[in-house]
Each structure stands twice: as C-alpha cells, then as structure tokens.
Amino acid sequence: MGTFVHVAAAAVGLSALLMSSAAAFSVAKYLGAAYLIYLGVQKLRAEESFDVAEEACRVKLSRVFGQGIVVNILNPKTALFFFSFLPQFVDASRGNVALQILFLGTLFACMGIAGSSAKK
C-alpha cells in the first residue's frame, strides 16, 4: 500500500520535487530513520523474553500492516526508484504522462504483491 502512495506521488510530480530538493529529501530520509529508531526502541523497551520455548506475543495484523505502510512511505529510496525508473518507459507522444506513470507504477505494485504473496 505504501508503494501506491509513491506511485501517486510520482504521477503528480511530487517524487520529482522530493528528488530535486536536497532539504525535502533529507527530511524524508531522517523521518524514515527516526521512525525505524522509534520501532527499535519500542522493541527493546518491551518486556519480552527471548526464550524460544515461550508462546510468542500476538500482534494485531492491522498494526503490522500499518507499520509496513509507514516504513515504505518514509523510504526515500522508493521515491528515487519511481522518479528514475518509471520515466524511462513513458512516451509523452502517447498521451497523458501522469496516467502512464500511474499505470506503470500500479503494474509494478501488483507484480510485487503477486510475488510476495505466492506460496513457496
């Protein structure tokens, strides 16, 4: 789902803005790092035993899902990927550039979902 946020941002040109502004890129990078540090500190502060014989603590899937979305959205490398990769396959003479980027990004995200959810 976080990838779809980056796809939408690339389609409207926000990824290009992020990549052209060193300050905006740094803010996104440090927000992402701060969130990962926050998650790490929360994990260290939790009173958990590292004994593998104990029953594992259950975490709501919605919480894990939400954390994954936030980490993906705050990952500036994902924005950089969409900014540098997708435009190579866009042809302005073939119509609306934003729709082409939206289509290609959605296709990329769907392939990622299919690949990640395939049974192994």
N, C-alpha and C. Protein backbone atom coordinates (compact mmCIF):
# COMPACT_ATOMS: atom_id res chain seq x y z
N MET A 1 0.82 -1.19 0.00
CA MET A 1 0.00 0.00 0.00
C MET A 1 0.87 1.26 0.00
N GLY A 2 2.00 1.20 0.68
CA GLY A 2 2.90 2.33 0.68
C GLY A 2 3.45 2.62 -0.70
N THR A 3 3.62 1.56 -1.48
CA THR A 3 4.08 1.73 -2.86
C THR A 3 3.07 2.53 -3.67
N PHE A 4 1.79 2.31 -3.43
CA PHE A 4 0.77 3.07 -4.15
C PHE A 4 0.84 4.56 -3.83
N VAL A 5 1.26 4.90 -2.61
CA VAL A 5 1.46 6.31 -2.26
C VAL A 5 2.57 6.90 -3.12
N HIS A 6 3.66 6.15 -3.27
CA HIS A 6 4.77 6.61 -4.11
C HIS A 6 4.37 6.69 -5.58
N VAL A 7 3.55 5.76 -6.02
CA VAL A 7 3.07 5.79 -7.41
C VAL A 7 2.25 7.06 -7.64
N ALA A 8 1.34 7.35 -6.73
CA ALA A 8 0.52 8.56 -6.87
C ALA A 8 1.40 9.81 -6.82
N ALA A 9 2.39 9.81 -5.94
CA ALA A 9 3.29 10.97 -5.84
C ALA A 9 4.08 11.15 -7.13
N ALA A 10 4.52 10.05 -7.72
CA ALA A 10 5.26 10.15 -8.98
C ALA A 10 4.35 10.63 -10.10
N ALA A 11 3.10 10.18 -10.09
CA ALA A 11 2.16 10.57 -11.15
C ALA A 11 1.86 12.06 -11.12
N VAL A 12 1.82 12.65 -9.94
CA VAL A 12 1.53 14.08 -9.85
C VAL A 12 2.79 14.93 -9.75
N GLY A 13 3.95 14.28 -9.80
CA GLY A 13 5.21 15.02 -9.83
C GLY A 13 5.84 15.30 -8.48
N LEU A 14 5.26 14.77 -7.39
CA LEU A 14 5.84 15.02 -6.08
C LEU A 14 7.17 14.32 -5.87
N SER A 15 7.34 13.16 -6.50
CA SER A 15 8.61 12.46 -6.39
C SER A 15 9.72 13.29 -7.02
N ALA A 16 9.41 13.93 -8.14
CA ALA A 16 10.41 14.79 -8.80
C ALA A 16 10.77 15.95 -7.88
N LEU A 17 9.78 16.51 -7.20
CA LEU A 17 10.03 17.60 -6.27
C LEU A 17 10.91 17.13 -5.12
N LEU A 18 10.62 15.96 -4.58
CA LEU A 18 11.40 15.40 -3.49
C LEU A 18 12.84 15.20 -3.91
N MET A 19 13.04 14.70 -5.11
CA MET A 19 14.40 14.42 -5.58
C MET A 19 15.15 15.69 -5.97
N SER A 20 14.44 16.74 -6.35
CA SER A 20 15.12 17.98 -6.76
C SER A 20 15.47 18.86 -5.56
N SER A 21 14.88 18.61 -4.42
CA SER A 21 15.14 19.41 -3.23
C SER A 21 15.95 18.59 -2.23
N ALA A 22 17.17 19.02 -2.01
CA ALA A 22 18.02 18.30 -1.06
C ALA A 22 17.40 18.35 0.34
N ALA A 23 16.80 19.46 0.69
CA ALA A 23 16.19 19.59 2.01
C ALA A 23 15.00 18.64 2.17
N ALA A 24 14.14 18.57 1.16
CA ALA A 24 12.97 17.68 1.22
C ALA A 24 13.42 16.23 1.28
N PHE A 25 14.45 15.89 0.51
CA PHE A 25 14.96 14.52 0.53
C PHE A 25 15.52 14.19 1.91
N SER A 26 16.25 15.13 2.50
CA SER A 26 16.83 14.90 3.83
C SER A 26 15.74 14.75 4.87
N VAL A 27 14.69 15.57 4.79
CA VAL A 27 13.58 15.46 5.74
C VAL A 27 12.95 14.07 5.65
N ALA A 28 12.67 13.60 4.44
CA ALA A 28 12.07 12.28 4.26
C ALA A 28 13.01 11.19 4.77
N LYS A 29 14.28 11.34 4.49
CA LYS A 29 15.27 10.34 4.92
C LYS A 29 15.35 10.29 6.44
N TYR A 30 15.41 11.46 7.09
CA TYR A 30 15.53 11.47 8.55
C TYR A 30 14.23 11.09 9.24
N LEU A 31 13.10 11.39 8.66
CA LEU A 31 11.82 10.92 9.22
C LEU A 31 11.76 9.39 9.18
N GLY A 32 12.19 8.82 8.08
CA GLY A 32 12.22 7.36 7.96
C GLY A 32 13.17 6.74 8.97
N ALA A 33 14.36 7.33 9.12
CA ALA A 33 15.33 6.82 10.09
C ALA A 33 14.79 6.96 11.51
N ALA A 34 14.17 8.11 11.81
CA ALA A 34 13.61 8.31 13.15
C ALA A 34 12.52 7.30 13.46
N TYR A 35 11.69 6.99 12.47
CA TYR A 35 10.63 6.01 12.70
C TYR A 35 11.21 4.62 12.95
N LEU A 36 12.24 4.25 12.20
CA LEU A 36 12.87 2.95 12.43
C LEU A 36 13.54 2.89 13.80
N ILE A 37 14.16 3.99 14.22
CA ILE A 37 14.76 4.04 15.56
C ILE A 37 13.67 3.92 16.62
N TYR A 38 12.56 4.62 16.41
CA TYR A 38 11.43 4.54 17.34
C TYR A 38 10.95 3.08 17.47
N LEU A 39 10.79 2.40 16.35
CA LEU A 39 10.35 1.00 16.39
C LEU A 39 11.36 0.14 17.14
N GLY A 40 12.64 0.38 16.92
CA GLY A 40 13.68 -0.38 17.61
C GLY A 40 13.67 -0.15 19.10
N VAL A 41 13.52 1.12 19.51
CA VAL A 41 13.47 1.44 20.94
C VAL A 41 12.24 0.81 21.58
N GLN A 42 11.11 0.87 20.89
CA GLN A 42 9.88 0.25 21.42
C GLN A 42 10.09 -1.25 21.60
N LYS A 43 10.76 -1.87 20.68
CA LYS A 43 11.02 -3.31 20.77
C LYS A 43 11.94 -3.62 21.95
N LEU A 44 12.96 -2.78 22.14
CA LEU A 44 13.89 -3.00 23.24
C LEU A 44 13.23 -2.75 24.60
N ARG A 45 12.31 -1.80 24.66
CA ARG A 45 11.64 -1.47 25.92
C ARG A 45 10.58 -2.49 26.31
N ALA A 46 10.11 -3.24 25.34
CA ALA A 46 9.07 -4.24 25.62
C ALA A 46 9.65 -5.34 26.51
N GLU A 47 8.88 -5.71 27.49
CA GLU A 47 9.34 -6.76 28.39
C GLU A 47 9.02 -8.11 27.77
N GLU A 48 9.97 -8.57 26.99
CA GLU A 48 9.80 -9.85 26.31
C GLU A 48 10.96 -10.76 26.67
N SER A 49 10.67 -11.99 26.73
CA SER A 49 11.71 -12.98 26.94
C SER A 49 12.18 -13.48 25.58
N PHE A 50 13.45 -13.76 25.51
CA PHE A 50 13.99 -14.27 24.25
C PHE A 50 14.00 -15.79 24.23
N ASP A 51 13.33 -16.39 25.19
CA ASP A 51 13.23 -17.84 25.26
C ASP A 51 12.30 -18.32 24.14
N VAL A 52 12.81 -19.18 23.27
CA VAL A 52 12.01 -19.64 22.14
C VAL A 52 10.93 -20.63 22.55
N ALA A 53 11.02 -21.15 23.75
CA ALA A 53 10.03 -22.13 24.19
C ALA A 53 8.71 -21.46 24.59
N GLU A 54 8.77 -20.18 24.91
CA GLU A 54 7.55 -19.49 25.32
C GLU A 54 6.66 -19.20 24.12
N GLU A 55 5.41 -19.02 24.43
CA GLU A 55 4.43 -18.65 23.40
C GLU A 55 4.75 -17.25 22.89
N ALA A 56 4.76 -17.09 21.60
CA ALA A 56 5.07 -15.78 21.00
C ALA A 56 3.94 -14.80 21.28
N CYS A 57 4.33 -13.55 21.51
CA CYS A 57 3.35 -12.48 21.75
C CYS A 57 2.61 -12.19 20.45
N ARG A 58 1.32 -12.11 20.54
CA ARG A 58 0.50 -11.84 19.35
C ARG A 58 0.39 -10.35 19.12
N VAL A 59 0.60 -9.95 17.88
CA VAL A 59 0.46 -8.55 17.48
C VAL A 59 -0.62 -8.52 16.41
N LYS A 60 -1.49 -7.52 16.51
CA LYS A 60 -2.56 -7.41 15.53
C LYS A 60 -1.96 -7.21 14.13
N LEU A 61 -2.51 -7.92 13.18
CA LEU A 61 -2.03 -7.80 11.80
C LEU A 61 -2.23 -6.39 11.27
N SER A 62 -3.28 -5.71 11.72
CA SER A 62 -3.51 -4.34 11.26
C SER A 62 -2.37 -3.42 11.71
N ARG A 63 -1.82 -3.67 12.89
CA ARG A 63 -0.68 -2.88 13.38
C ARG A 63 0.56 -3.15 12.54
N VAL A 64 0.83 -4.40 12.27
CA VAL A 64 1.99 -4.75 11.44
C VAL A 64 1.82 -4.17 10.04
N PHE A 65 0.63 -4.26 9.50
CA PHE A 65 0.33 -3.72 8.18
C PHE A 65 0.56 -2.20 8.17
N GLY A 66 0.05 -1.51 9.17
CA GLY A 66 0.22 -0.06 9.27
C GLY A 66 1.68 0.34 9.39
N GLN A 67 2.44 -0.40 10.20
CA GLN A 67 3.86 -0.11 10.33
C GLN A 67 4.60 -0.29 9.01
N GLY A 68 4.23 -1.32 8.27
CA GLY A 68 4.84 -1.55 6.96
C GLY A 68 4.56 -0.42 6.00
N ILE A 69 3.34 0.09 6.03
CA ILE A 69 2.98 1.21 5.15
C ILE A 69 3.81 2.45 5.49
N VAL A 70 3.91 2.75 6.78
CA VAL A 70 4.66 3.94 7.20
C VAL A 70 6.13 3.81 6.81
N VAL A 71 6.73 2.65 7.04
CA VAL A 71 8.13 2.44 6.68
C VAL A 71 8.31 2.62 5.17
N ASN A 72 7.40 2.08 4.38
CA ASN A 72 7.51 2.19 2.92
C ASN A 72 7.35 3.64 2.47
N ILE A 73 6.39 4.35 3.03
CA ILE A 73 6.16 5.74 2.63
C ILE A 73 7.36 6.62 2.97
N LEU A 74 7.98 6.38 4.13
CA LEU A 74 9.10 7.20 4.56
C LEU A 74 10.44 6.75 3.98
N ASN A 75 10.42 5.80 3.07
CA ASN A 75 11.65 5.32 2.45
C ASN A 75 11.95 6.16 1.21
N PRO A 76 12.93 7.07 1.27
CA PRO A 76 13.20 7.92 0.11
C PRO A 76 13.76 7.15 -1.08
N LYS A 77 14.32 5.96 -0.84
CA LYS A 77 14.83 5.17 -1.96
C LYS A 77 13.70 4.72 -2.87
N THR A 78 12.53 4.50 -2.31
CA THR A 78 11.38 4.12 -3.12
C THR A 78 10.97 5.27 -4.03
N ALA A 79 10.94 6.48 -3.48
CA ALA A 79 10.62 7.66 -4.30
C ALA A 79 11.67 7.84 -5.39
N LEU A 80 12.92 7.64 -5.04
CA LEU A 80 14.00 7.76 -6.03
C LEU A 80 13.84 6.72 -7.13
N PHE A 81 13.44 5.52 -6.76
CA PHE A 81 13.22 4.46 -7.75
C PHE A 81 12.15 4.88 -8.75
N PHE A 82 11.02 5.35 -8.25
CA PHE A 82 9.94 5.74 -9.16
C PHE A 82 10.31 6.97 -9.98
N PHE A 83 11.08 7.86 -9.40
CA PHE A 83 11.49 9.06 -10.13
C PHE A 83 12.46 8.73 -11.26
N SER A 84 13.36 7.77 -11.02
CA SER A 84 14.38 7.48 -12.02
C SER A 84 14.00 6.35 -12.97
N PHE A 85 13.18 5.41 -12.52
CA PHE A 85 12.90 4.23 -13.33
C PHE A 85 11.70 4.39 -14.24
N LEU A 86 10.58 4.82 -13.70
CA LEU A 86 9.35 4.88 -14.50
C LEU A 86 9.42 5.82 -15.70
N PRO A 87 10.02 7.01 -15.58
CA PRO A 87 10.04 7.91 -16.74
C PRO A 87 10.73 7.34 -17.98
N GLN A 88 11.58 6.35 -17.81
CA GLN A 88 12.24 5.72 -18.95
C GLN A 88 11.24 5.04 -19.89
N PHE A 89 10.09 4.67 -19.35
CA PHE A 89 9.10 3.93 -20.12
C PHE A 89 7.89 4.77 -20.49
N VAL A 90 7.98 6.07 -20.27
CA VAL A 90 6.87 6.97 -20.57
C VAL A 90 7.18 7.70 -21.87
N ASP A 91 6.18 7.75 -22.75
CA ASP A 91 6.32 8.45 -24.03
C ASP A 91 5.26 9.55 -24.07
N ALA A 92 5.70 10.80 -24.02
CA ALA A 92 4.78 11.93 -23.98
C ALA A 92 3.89 11.99 -25.22
N SER A 93 4.36 11.44 -26.35
CA SER A 93 3.56 11.48 -27.57
C SER A 93 2.40 10.48 -27.54
N ARG A 94 2.37 9.62 -26.55
CA ARG A 94 1.32 8.60 -26.45
C ARG A 94 0.21 8.97 -25.48
N GLY A 95 0.18 10.21 -25.03
CA GLY A 95 -0.92 10.62 -24.17
C GLY A 95 -0.46 11.18 -22.85
N ASN A 96 -1.37 11.19 -21.90
CA ASN A 96 -1.17 11.77 -20.59
C ASN A 96 -0.02 11.06 -19.85
N VAL A 97 1.02 11.82 -19.53
CA VAL A 97 2.20 11.27 -18.86
C VAL A 97 1.85 10.77 -17.46
N ALA A 98 1.05 11.51 -16.74
CA ALA A 98 0.68 11.11 -15.38
C ALA A 98 -0.06 9.77 -15.38
N LEU A 99 -0.95 9.58 -16.34
CA LEU A 99 -1.67 8.30 -16.42
C LEU A 99 -0.73 7.15 -16.78
N GLN A 100 0.25 7.42 -17.63
CA GLN A 100 1.21 6.37 -17.97
C GLN A 100 2.03 5.97 -16.74
N ILE A 101 2.48 6.97 -15.97
CA ILE A 101 3.24 6.68 -14.75
C ILE A 101 2.37 5.94 -13.75
N LEU A 102 1.13 6.37 -13.62
CA LEU A 102 0.19 5.71 -12.71
C LEU A 102 -0.02 4.25 -13.11
N PHE A 103 -0.20 4.01 -14.40
CA PHE A 103 -0.38 2.63 -14.87
C PHE A 103 0.86 1.79 -14.61
N LEU A 104 2.04 2.30 -14.97
CA LEU A 104 3.27 1.53 -14.78
C LEU A 104 3.56 1.28 -13.30
N GLY A 105 3.33 2.29 -12.47
CA GLY A 105 3.55 2.11 -11.04
C GLY A 105 2.58 1.11 -10.43
N THR A 106 1.34 1.17 -10.86
CA THR A 106 0.34 0.21 -10.36
C THR A 106 0.69 -1.20 -10.81
N LEU A 107 1.14 -1.34 -12.03
CA LEU A 107 1.57 -2.64 -12.53
C LEU A 107 2.74 -3.16 -11.70
N PHE A 108 3.71 -2.29 -11.41
CA PHE A 108 4.85 -2.67 -10.58
C PHE A 108 4.38 -3.14 -9.21
N ALA A 109 3.48 -2.37 -8.57
CA ALA A 109 2.99 -2.73 -7.24
C ALA A 109 2.23 -4.06 -7.27
N CYS A 110 1.41 -4.26 -8.28
CA CYS A 110 0.65 -5.52 -8.38
C CYS A 110 1.58 -6.72 -8.59
N MET A 111 2.62 -6.53 -9.37
CA MET A 111 3.59 -7.63 -9.54
C MET A 111 4.31 -7.93 -8.23
N GLY A 112 4.61 -6.88 -7.46
CA GLY A 112 5.23 -7.08 -6.16
C GLY A 112 4.32 -7.81 -5.19
N ILE A 113 3.04 -7.44 -5.20
CA ILE A 113 2.06 -8.11 -4.34
C ILE A 113 1.94 -9.58 -4.74
N ALA A 114 1.86 -9.85 -6.04
CA ALA A 114 1.72 -11.23 -6.51
C ALA A 114 2.97 -12.04 -6.15
N GLY A 115 4.13 -11.44 -6.30
CA GLY A 115 5.37 -12.15 -5.99
C GLY A 115 5.53 -12.39 -4.50
N SER A 116 5.13 -11.43 -3.68
CA SER A 116 5.28 -11.56 -2.24
C SER A 116 4.25 -12.49 -1.62
N SER A 117 3.11 -12.64 -2.26
CA SER A 117 2.06 -13.46 -1.68
C SER A 117 2.01 -14.87 -2.26
N ALA A 118 2.91 -15.18 -3.18
CA ALA A 118 2.92 -16.52 -3.77
C ALA A 118 3.39 -17.53 -2.72
N LYS A 119 2.76 -18.68 -2.73
CA LYS A 119 3.17 -19.74 -1.79
C LYS A 119 4.50 -20.31 -2.22
N LYS A 120 5.29 -20.60 -1.22
CA LYS A 120 6.64 -21.11 -1.51
C LYS A 120 6.74 -22.56 -1.17
